[in-house]
Amino acid sequence: MAATRLFLRASPVKCSLTGLTGGVHSSLGSTLLKLSPACTAKPQAQRRHAAHFTFHPEPAPSQYESRATNPPLTFTGTEIEEQVFIADTHCMNVSAGPTQKMNLFQSVTSALDNTLAGDPTAVIFGEDVAFGGVFRCTVGLRDKYGKDRVFNTPLCEQGIVGFGIGAAAAGATAIAEIQFADYIYPAFDQIVNEAAKYRYRSGNMFDCGKLTIRAPWGCVGHGSIYHSQCPEAFFTHCPGIKIVVPRGPVQAKGLLLSCIADQNPCIFFEPKILYRAAVEQVPTEAYQIPLSQAEVLQEGSDLTLVAWGTQVHVLKEVAAMAQEKLGVSCELIDLRTILPWDTETVCKSVVKTGRLLISHEAPVTGGFAAEISSTVQEECFLNLEAPISRVCGYDTPFPHIFEPFYIPDKWKCFEAVKRMINY
């Protein structure tokens, strides 16, 4: 930092700070680089980029499943089940319609736009959403739909979610934004003790199933402790809510619209490193992707790879490396919905391959990979050819300049693949 301050004082001197932060550009470093584009201390080719993966756009969809939901179940007396979810009953294929090139944050905006246009009860609220939000996910919506439907809240996550619960219970489609997933913890009590239990404790007389909570999630290259966390595992121990993480723009829009339409409170985590890095052809009309259905992205016979969000793209590269360098055929699964998760698809794959690697950015201890591992161990024990492997973040706070060493990159995952194959 002393060197940085010296640099700032010596403003006439134009040179780059590449390398001062270990090659991972902080916001300050990025600003300084923009101020001095013509001069760098190292050759341009040596600059280290924050992204630890390559995003490959998926083909534009031709059709998607549209789901019709049941009316809320009615419970009397002792008929109340231990875990209450309102389930979907049937699906129908619908045309995806015209598409437009969108990055992930634009696909989120499109989903919110579709919702506000089609549902007069829908409201969007959170810190700074009125002007578009820090990631621009709500840009233009206040001007289009009015300040009564898209509005700012005080800086109080507990209040944001508490307001959302009340609005949803009163019949509104409530879409709350937590500015960063790292700051969702002040709202933990409202989510776990109120939103998730509202239907159960009233015997289904009342519910807040029309509540959706959005939050930017995951590492971004320079987020450090308070702008990089993946807190999904904290909420998976709580019956009554659904948790979803998309891997790209097409998935983000369809899954977000499914969350908004679902009759249960949902938490929708958005990988912020993909907001601009991921670009695809996305249908402009509303469509839904079914929740709690994992997707097999690549068929394989030797090893099953499971991830969600950004880590799916890391494991895509691992699968390619395993095939090229080891001749190993990997089956890649995007879990998509973390709770309730698709045990059938994962277990069916492990029965075929005999090996399972699970990877996520969150710390390994108590991460959701442990739940997947436990379930697969119970269901597929006799089919396993090697111990299940978890390649995750370390049990430390999320670092800043050491982020490249912390994240479960393709090299760590590839080493785990080699160990499993050679077991």
Protein backbone atom coordinates (compact mmCIF):
# COMPACT_ATOMS: atom_id res chain seq x y z
CA MET A 1 0.00 0.00 0.00
CA ALA A 2 2.93 2.34 0.65
CA ALA A 3 4.02 1.84 -2.94
CA THR A 4 0.49 2.54 -4.13
CA ARG A 5 0.28 5.80 -2.17
CA LEU A 6 3.65 6.86 -3.57
CA PHE A 7 2.39 6.13 -7.06
CA LEU A 8 -0.73 8.22 -6.53
CA ARG A 9 1.32 11.20 -5.33
CA ALA A 10 3.60 10.90 -8.37
CA SER A 11 0.72 11.22 -10.85
CA PRO A 12 2.85 12.53 -13.76
CA VAL A 13 4.71 9.21 -13.80
CA LYS A 14 2.78 6.80 -16.03
CA CYS A 15 3.37 3.14 -15.45
CA SER A 16 1.29 0.07 -14.62
CA LEU A 17 0.70 -1.54 -11.25
CA THR A 18 0.39 -4.97 -12.81
CA GLY A 19 2.13 -7.34 -10.45
CA LEU A 20 1.82 -5.22 -7.29
CA THR A 21 -1.26 -7.22 -6.32
CA GLY A 22 0.00 -10.56 -7.48
CA GLY A 23 -1.55 -10.03 -10.91
CA VAL A 24 -5.12 -9.88 -9.61
CA HIS A 25 -6.36 -6.36 -10.28
CA SER A 26 -8.12 -4.59 -7.45
CA SER A 27 -10.56 -1.81 -8.33
CA LEU A 28 -7.80 0.68 -7.53
CA GLY A 29 -5.36 -1.18 -9.74
CA SER A 30 -7.88 -1.30 -12.57
CA THR A 31 -8.45 2.44 -12.28
CA LEU A 32 -4.74 3.12 -12.38
CA LEU A 33 -4.33 0.91 -15.42
CA LYS A 34 -7.04 2.86 -17.20
CA LEU A 35 -5.20 6.10 -16.40
CA SER A 36 -2.00 4.82 -17.96
CA PRO A 37 -2.86 2.50 -20.85
CA ALA A 38 0.18 3.29 -22.89
CA CYS A 39 2.84 2.16 -20.45
CA THR A 40 3.20 -1.16 -18.61
CA ALA A 41 5.96 -2.48 -16.39
CA LYS A 42 5.60 -5.97 -17.93
CA PRO A 43 4.79 -7.21 -21.41
CA GLN A 44 1.03 -7.25 -22.03
CA ALA A 45 1.04 -11.03 -22.56
CA GLN A 46 2.15 -11.59 -18.97
CA ARG A 47 -0.88 -9.89 -17.42
CA ARG A 48 -2.86 -12.28 -15.30
CA HIS A 49 -6.60 -12.19 -15.73
CA ALA A 50 -9.02 -12.67 -12.86
CA ALA A 51 -11.15 -15.24 -14.67
CA HIS A 52 -9.98 -18.80 -13.93
CA PHE A 53 -12.12 -20.39 -16.64
CA THR A 54 -13.27 -19.89 -20.22
CA PHE A 55 -16.96 -19.32 -20.88
CA HIS A 56 -18.27 -21.15 -23.94
CA PRO A 57 -21.73 -19.95 -25.04
CA GLU A 58 -24.35 -22.62 -25.41
CA PRO A 59 -26.60 -22.84 -28.49
CA ALA A 60 -29.70 -20.69 -28.46
CA PRO A 61 -32.64 -22.81 -27.26
CA SER A 62 -35.45 -23.69 -29.65
CA GLN A 63 -37.93 -24.64 -26.95
CA TYR A 64 -38.27 -24.87 -23.20
CA GLU A 65 -40.51 -26.56 -20.72
CA SER A 66 -43.26 -24.43 -19.25
CA ARG A 67 -44.51 -25.67 -15.92
CA ALA A 68 -48.00 -25.34 -14.48
CA THR A 69 -48.18 -25.26 -10.71
CA ASN A 70 -50.72 -26.71 -8.34
CA PRO A 71 -52.81 -24.47 -6.13
CA PRO A 72 -51.48 -24.49 -2.56
CA LEU A 73 -52.02 -27.76 -0.73
CA THR A 74 -54.51 -27.79 2.11
CA PHE A 75 -53.49 -29.41 5.39
CA THR A 76 -55.65 -30.14 8.40
CA GLY A 77 -54.64 -31.34 11.83
CA THR A 78 -51.84 -33.89 11.78
CA GLU A 79 -51.63 -33.97 7.96
CA ILE A 80 -48.95 -31.25 7.94
CA GLU A 81 -45.77 -32.79 6.60
CA GLU A 82 -42.33 -32.25 8.09
CA GLN A 83 -41.14 -30.37 5.01
CA VAL A 84 -43.64 -28.31 3.04
CA PHE A 85 -43.09 -27.58 -0.65
CA ILE A 86 -45.77 -26.86 -3.22
CA ALA A 87 -44.90 -29.15 -6.12
CA ASP A 88 -45.34 -28.78 -9.88
CA THR A 89 -47.55 -31.32 -11.63
CA HIS A 90 -47.03 -31.21 -15.38
CA CYS A 91 -44.89 -29.68 -18.07
CA MET A 92 -45.42 -28.69 -21.67
CA ASN A 93 -42.92 -27.79 -24.36
CA VAL A 94 -43.19 -24.23 -25.69
CA SER A 95 -41.25 -22.38 -28.35
CA ALA A 96 -38.48 -20.17 -27.00
CA GLY A 97 -39.31 -17.49 -29.61
CA PRO A 98 -36.93 -14.76 -30.83
CA THR A 99 -33.57 -14.36 -29.14
CA GLN A 100 -31.22 -11.49 -28.39
CA LYS A 101 -27.55 -11.37 -27.46
CA MET A 102 -27.37 -10.81 -23.70
CA ASN A 103 -24.83 -11.16 -20.95
CA LEU A 104 -25.93 -12.57 -17.61
CA PHE A 105 -26.96 -9.33 -15.95
CA GLN A 106 -28.98 -8.38 -19.03
CA SER A 107 -30.76 -11.74 -18.95
CA VAL A 108 -31.68 -11.07 -15.32
CA THR A 109 -33.00 -7.65 -16.33
CA SER A 110 -35.01 -9.29 -19.11
CA ALA A 111 -36.55 -11.76 -16.66
CA LEU A 112 -37.49 -8.96 -14.27
CA ASP A 113 -38.89 -6.92 -17.17
CA ASN A 114 -41.06 -9.86 -18.27
CA THR A 115 -42.30 -10.30 -14.71
CA LEU A 116 -43.22 -6.64 -14.17
CA ALA A 117 -44.98 -6.54 -17.54
CA GLY A 118 -47.02 -9.68 -16.94
CA ASP A 119 -47.75 -9.40 -13.21
CA PRO A 120 -49.24 -6.12 -11.93
CA THR A 121 -48.56 -7.20 -8.33
CA ALA A 122 -44.80 -7.63 -8.90
CA VAL A 123 -42.45 -5.27 -7.05
CA ILE A 124 -38.66 -5.06 -6.98
CA PHE A 125 -36.82 -3.52 -4.05
CA GLY A 126 -33.38 -3.37 -2.47
CA GLU A 127 -30.37 -1.14 -2.03
CA ASP A 128 -29.82 1.08 -5.10
CA VAL A 129 -32.15 -0.91 -7.39
CA ALA A 130 -33.98 2.26 -8.42
CA PHE A 131 -31.06 3.52 -10.50
CA GLY A 132 -30.18 0.05 -11.77
CA GLY A 133 -28.17 -1.50 -8.96
CA VAL A 134 -24.40 -1.80 -8.62
CA PHE A 135 -24.38 -4.54 -11.29
CA ARG A 136 -27.03 -2.83 -13.48
CA CYS A 137 -29.50 -5.72 -13.18
CA THR A 138 -32.50 -3.41 -12.73
CA VAL A 139 -31.43 -0.61 -15.05
CA GLY A 140 -34.35 1.16 -16.72
CA LEU A 141 -37.06 -0.69 -14.83
CA ARG A 142 -38.06 2.18 -12.53
CA ASP A 143 -38.46 4.52 -15.49
CA LYS A 144 -40.55 1.93 -17.32
CA TYR A 145 -42.78 0.72 -14.48
CA GLY A 146 -42.72 3.52 -11.94
CA LYS A 147 -41.24 4.27 -8.55
CA ASP A 148 -44.01 2.38 -6.74
CA ARG A 149 -42.91 -0.93 -8.29
CA VAL A 150 -39.11 -0.54 -8.40
CA PHE A 151 -37.76 1.29 -5.38
CA ASN A 152 -34.82 1.62 -3.01
CA THR A 153 -34.77 0.44 0.58
CA PRO A 154 -32.68 1.47 3.58
CA LEU A 155 -29.38 -0.31 4.03
CA CYS A 156 -30.91 -3.05 6.18
CA GLU A 157 -30.95 -6.61 4.86
CA GLN A 158 -33.17 -7.84 7.66
CA GLY A 159 -35.67 -5.14 6.80
CA ILE A 160 -35.49 -5.90 3.07
CA VAL A 161 -36.39 -9.56 3.56
CA GLY A 162 -38.90 -8.80 6.32
CA PHE A 163 -40.66 -6.36 3.99
CA GLY A 164 -40.60 -8.98 1.24
CA ILE A 165 -42.22 -11.57 3.49
CA GLY A 166 -45.01 -9.17 4.35
CA ALA A 167 -45.55 -8.13 0.74
CA ALA A 168 -45.64 -11.75 -0.43
CA ALA A 169 -48.01 -12.76 2.37
CA ALA A 170 -50.31 -9.92 1.29
CA GLY A 171 -50.39 -11.32 -2.26
CA ALA A 172 -47.68 -9.40 -4.08
CA THR A 173 -44.94 -11.00 -6.15
CA ALA A 174 -42.00 -9.73 -4.08
CA ILE A 175 -38.50 -9.70 -5.61
CA ALA A 176 -35.88 -8.58 -3.09
CA GLU A 177 -32.26 -7.84 -3.93
CA ILE A 178 -29.44 -8.30 -1.44
CA GLN A 179 -26.61 -6.25 -2.91
CA PHE A 180 -24.00 -8.96 -2.25
CA ALA A 181 -24.56 -12.51 -1.02
CA ASP A 182 -21.95 -11.79 1.65
CA TYR A 183 -24.43 -9.39 3.28
CA ILE A 184 -27.35 -11.79 3.41
CA TYR A 185 -26.44 -12.84 6.96
CA PRO A 186 -28.29 -10.00 8.74
CA ALA A 187 -31.42 -11.37 7.03
CA PHE A 188 -30.72 -14.95 8.11
CA ASP A 189 -33.33 -14.92 10.87
CA GLN A 190 -36.02 -13.55 8.56
CA ILE A 191 -35.24 -16.15 5.88
CA VAL A 192 -34.82 -19.20 8.11
CA ASN A 193 -37.26 -18.52 10.95
CA GLU A 194 -39.96 -16.60 9.09
CA ALA A 195 -39.98 -17.08 5.31
CA ALA A 196 -39.14 -20.78 5.34
CA LYS A 197 -41.63 -21.61 8.11
CA TYR A 198 -44.50 -19.24 7.30
CA ARG A 199 -46.65 -21.85 5.56
CA TYR A 200 -45.84 -24.66 7.97
CA ARG A 201 -46.56 -22.79 11.19
CA SER A 202 -49.92 -21.52 9.92
CA GLY A 203 -51.10 -24.91 8.65
CA ASN A 204 -51.04 -23.43 5.14
CA MET A 205 -53.51 -20.69 6.06
CA PHE A 206 -50.82 -18.15 5.11
CA ASP A 207 -47.59 -18.27 3.14
CA CYS A 208 -44.95 -16.05 1.55
CA GLY A 209 -44.30 -18.34 -1.40
CA LYS A 210 -44.27 -15.41 -3.83
CA LEU A 211 -41.00 -14.12 -2.35
CA THR A 212 -37.78 -14.36 -4.38
CA ILE A 213 -34.46 -13.13 -3.00
CA ARG A 214 -31.71 -12.32 -5.52
CA ALA A 215 -28.06 -11.88 -4.58
CA PRO A 216 -24.73 -11.58 -6.50
CA TRP A 217 -22.61 -14.53 -5.46
CA GLY A 218 -19.15 -16.04 -5.71
CA CYS A 219 -15.62 -14.91 -6.46
CA VAL A 220 -14.91 -12.18 -8.96
CA GLY A 221 -11.12 -11.82 -8.98
CA HIS A 222 -10.78 -8.96 -6.51
CA GLY A 223 -13.73 -9.18 -4.10
CA SER A 224 -11.78 -10.22 -1.02
CA ILE A 225 -13.53 -11.14 2.24
CA TYR A 226 -16.87 -9.38 1.89
CA HIS A 227 -17.60 -9.60 -1.84
CA SER A 228 -16.68 -13.17 -2.76
CA GLN A 229 -18.56 -15.59 -0.53
CA CYS A 230 -20.80 -18.51 -1.51
CA PRO A 231 -23.25 -18.93 1.40
CA GLU A 232 -25.65 -21.45 -0.15
CA ALA A 233 -24.79 -24.22 2.33
CA PHE A 234 -25.99 -22.13 5.28
CA PHE A 235 -29.53 -22.27 3.88
CA THR A 236 -29.62 -25.88 2.69
CA HIS A 237 -30.22 -27.02 6.27
CA CYS A 238 -33.55 -25.18 6.23
CA PRO A 239 -36.68 -26.91 4.89
CA GLY A 240 -39.16 -24.64 3.20
CA ILE A 241 -36.99 -22.60 0.83
CA LYS A 242 -35.47 -23.30 -2.58
CA ILE A 243 -31.93 -22.36 -3.61
CA VAL A 244 -30.88 -21.92 -7.23
CA VAL A 245 -27.58 -21.00 -8.93
CA PRO A 246 -27.40 -20.57 -12.75
CA ARG A 247 -24.35 -21.09 -14.96
CA GLY A 248 -25.08 -18.61 -17.76
CA PRO A 249 -27.52 -16.09 -19.27
CA VAL A 250 -30.00 -18.58 -20.78
CA GLN A 251 -30.14 -20.55 -17.56
CA ALA A 252 -30.32 -17.41 -15.42
CA LYS A 253 -33.42 -16.04 -17.09
CA GLY A 254 -35.32 -19.34 -17.19
CA LEU A 255 -34.43 -20.34 -13.65
CA LEU A 256 -35.15 -16.87 -12.22
CA LEU A 257 -38.59 -16.84 -13.85
CA SER A 258 -39.21 -20.30 -12.38
CA CYS A 259 -38.23 -19.03 -8.94
CA ILE A 260 -40.54 -16.04 -9.27
CA ALA A 261 -43.44 -18.25 -10.37
CA ASP A 262 -42.77 -20.93 -7.77
CA GLN A 263 -45.12 -21.15 -4.79
CA ASN A 264 -42.23 -21.31 -2.32
CA PRO A 265 -39.76 -18.65 -1.19
CA CYS A 266 -36.62 -18.94 -3.30
CA ILE A 267 -33.05 -17.67 -3.00
CA PHE A 268 -31.49 -17.01 -6.40
CA PHE A 269 -27.70 -16.63 -6.30
CA GLU A 270 -26.16 -14.98 -9.39
CA PRO A 271 -22.44 -15.64 -10.16
CA LYS A 272 -21.22 -12.07 -10.46
CA ILE A 273 -18.04 -12.99 -12.33
CA LEU A 274 -20.38 -14.10 -15.14
CA TYR A 275 -22.44 -10.89 -15.23
CA ARG A 276 -20.40 -9.61 -18.17
CA ALA A 277 -18.14 -12.56 -18.99
CA ALA A 278 -21.02 -14.83 -20.03
CA VAL A 279 -22.82 -13.88 -23.25
CA GLU A 280 -25.43 -15.99 -25.07
CA GLN A 281 -28.43 -15.73 -27.33
CA VAL A 282 -31.34 -15.50 -24.87
CA PRO A 283 -35.07 -15.66 -25.68
CA THR A 284 -36.66 -12.26 -25.22
CA GLU A 285 -40.03 -13.70 -24.18
CA ALA A 286 -40.67 -15.28 -20.77
CA TYR A 287 -39.81 -18.97 -20.37
CA GLN A 288 -39.13 -21.27 -17.45
CA ILE A 289 -36.53 -23.94 -16.71
CA PRO A 290 -37.75 -26.54 -14.20
CA LEU A 291 -36.35 -26.31 -10.68
CA SER A 292 -34.83 -29.31 -8.88
CA GLN A 293 -33.74 -30.87 -12.17
CA ALA A 294 -30.01 -31.21 -12.72
CA GLU A 295 -28.72 -31.15 -16.28
CA VAL A 296 -26.23 -33.56 -17.78
CA LEU A 297 -24.07 -31.30 -19.94
CA GLN A 298 -21.70 -33.98 -21.15
CA GLU A 299 -22.13 -37.74 -21.23
CA GLY A 300 -19.25 -39.86 -19.91
CA SER A 301 -18.39 -43.33 -18.67
CA ASP A 302 -15.43 -43.11 -16.28
CA LEU A 303 -16.10 -40.30 -13.79
CA THR A 304 -18.94 -37.97 -12.76
CA LEU A 305 -18.25 -34.27 -12.23
CA VAL A 306 -20.84 -32.21 -10.31
CA ALA A 307 -20.87 -28.42 -9.85
CA TRP A 308 -23.10 -25.35 -10.06
CA GLY A 309 -22.67 -21.73 -11.09
CA THR A 310 -19.20 -20.62 -12.18
CA GLN A 311 -17.60 -23.92 -11.23
CA VAL A 312 -19.46 -25.69 -14.03
CA HIS A 313 -17.21 -23.90 -16.53
CA VAL A 314 -14.11 -24.91 -14.59
CA LEU A 315 -15.16 -28.56 -14.72
CA LYS A 316 -15.90 -28.29 -18.44
CA GLU A 317 -12.21 -27.58 -18.93
CA VAL A 318 -11.28 -30.38 -16.53
CA ALA A 319 -13.37 -32.84 -18.54
CA ALA A 320 -11.60 -31.77 -21.74
CA MET A 321 -8.19 -32.09 -20.07
CA ALA A 322 -9.03 -35.54 -18.69
CA GLN A 323 -10.07 -36.76 -22.12
CA GLU A 324 -7.04 -35.28 -23.87
CA LYS A 325 -4.31 -36.13 -21.36
CA LEU A 326 -5.65 -39.26 -19.65
CA GLY A 327 -8.16 -40.72 -22.06
CA VAL A 328 -10.76 -40.45 -19.28
CA SER A 329 -14.40 -39.93 -20.19
CA CYS A 330 -16.13 -37.55 -17.74
CA GLU A 331 -19.83 -36.99 -17.29
CA LEU A 332 -20.53 -33.37 -16.32
CA ILE A 333 -23.64 -32.41 -14.32
CA ASP A 334 -24.86 -28.91 -13.49
CA LEU A 335 -26.90 -29.25 -10.32
CA ARG A 336 -28.66 -25.89 -10.88
CA THR A 337 -31.05 -26.23 -7.93
CA ILE A 338 -29.19 -26.76 -4.65
CA LEU A 339 -32.32 -27.30 -2.57
CA PRO A 340 -34.20 -29.53 -3.17
CA TRP A 341 -31.46 -31.12 -5.26
CA ASP A 342 -31.79 -33.77 -7.94
CA THR A 343 -30.47 -36.91 -6.26
CA GLU A 344 -31.78 -39.20 -8.99
CA THR A 345 -29.73 -37.69 -11.83
CA VAL A 346 -26.51 -37.63 -9.79
CA CYS A 347 -26.88 -41.16 -8.41
CA LYS A 348 -27.82 -42.55 -11.81
CA SER A 349 -24.61 -41.08 -13.23
CA VAL A 350 -22.43 -42.42 -10.40
CA VAL A 351 -23.88 -45.91 -10.83
CA LYS A 352 -22.68 -45.73 -14.44
CA THR A 353 -19.23 -44.18 -13.87
CA GLY A 354 -18.30 -45.47 -10.40
CA ARG A 355 -16.53 -42.24 -9.45
CA LEU A 356 -17.69 -38.82 -8.26
CA LEU A 357 -15.94 -35.45 -7.96
CA ILE A 358 -17.85 -32.49 -6.53
CA SER A 359 -16.45 -28.97 -6.66
CA HIS A 360 -17.59 -25.62 -5.28
CA GLU A 361 -15.97 -22.33 -4.26
CA ALA A 362 -17.28 -22.34 -0.68
CA PRO A 363 -15.11 -23.82 2.10
CA VAL A 364 -14.95 -27.60 2.09
CA THR A 365 -16.07 -28.21 5.68
CA GLY A 366 -19.86 -28.19 5.82
CA GLY A 367 -20.12 -27.25 2.15
CA PHE A 368 -22.97 -28.72 0.11
CA ALA A 369 -20.52 -31.15 -1.50
CA ALA A 370 -20.55 -33.00 1.82
CA GLU A 371 -24.32 -33.56 1.57
CA ILE A 372 -24.02 -34.82 -2.00
CA SER A 373 -21.14 -37.09 -0.99
CA SER A 374 -23.07 -38.53 1.94
CA THR A 375 -26.16 -39.24 -0.14
CA VAL A 376 -24.22 -40.87 -2.96
CA GLN A 377 -22.26 -42.95 -0.45
CA GLU A 378 -25.51 -44.26 1.01
CA GLU A 379 -27.22 -44.86 -2.34
CA CYS A 380 -24.33 -46.01 -4.55
CA PHE A 381 -21.80 -47.57 -2.19
CA LEU A 382 -21.45 -50.87 -4.08
CA ASN A 383 -20.96 -49.04 -7.38
CA LEU A 384 -18.08 -46.84 -6.23
CA GLU A 385 -14.64 -47.58 -7.68
CA ALA A 386 -12.84 -44.87 -5.68
CA PRO A 387 -13.53 -42.58 -2.70
CA ILE A 388 -15.70 -39.58 -3.53
CA SER A 389 -13.58 -36.46 -3.99
CA ARG A 390 -14.44 -32.89 -2.92
CA VAL A 391 -12.41 -30.07 -4.46
CA CYS A 392 -13.52 -26.88 -2.78
CA GLY A 393 -12.36 -23.66 -1.19
CA TYR A 394 -10.13 -23.81 1.88
CA ASP A 395 -11.37 -23.44 5.45
CA THR A 396 -10.17 -19.85 5.64
CA PRO A 397 -11.73 -16.44 5.06
CA PHE A 398 -11.77 -15.59 1.37
CA PRO A 399 -8.42 -13.91 0.55
CA HIS A 400 -7.71 -10.96 -1.71
CA ILE A 401 -4.37 -11.24 -3.50
CA PHE A 402 -4.23 -14.97 -2.78
CA GLU A 403 -7.56 -15.68 -4.46
CA PRO A 404 -5.88 -17.61 -7.31
CA PHE A 405 -4.47 -20.01 -4.71
CA TYR A 406 -7.77 -20.30 -2.84
CA ILE A 407 -10.20 -21.11 -5.61
CA PRO A 408 -10.65 -24.75 -6.75
CA ASP A 409 -9.24 -24.18 -10.21
CA LYS A 410 -8.96 -26.69 -13.05
CA TRP A 411 -5.51 -27.85 -11.97
CA LYS A 412 -6.67 -28.85 -8.48
CA CYS A 413 -9.66 -30.62 -9.97
CA PHE A 414 -7.51 -32.34 -12.60
CA GLU A 415 -5.15 -33.66 -9.93
CA ALA A 416 -8.16 -35.08 -8.09
CA VAL A 417 -9.28 -36.79 -11.29
CA LYS A 418 -5.86 -38.42 -11.66
CA ARG A 419 -5.94 -39.66 -8.05
CA MET A 420 -9.38 -41.17 -8.51
CA ILE A 421 -8.51 -42.91 -11.76
CA ASN A 422 -5.32 -44.35 -10.26
CA TYR A 423 -6.96 -45.46 -7.03
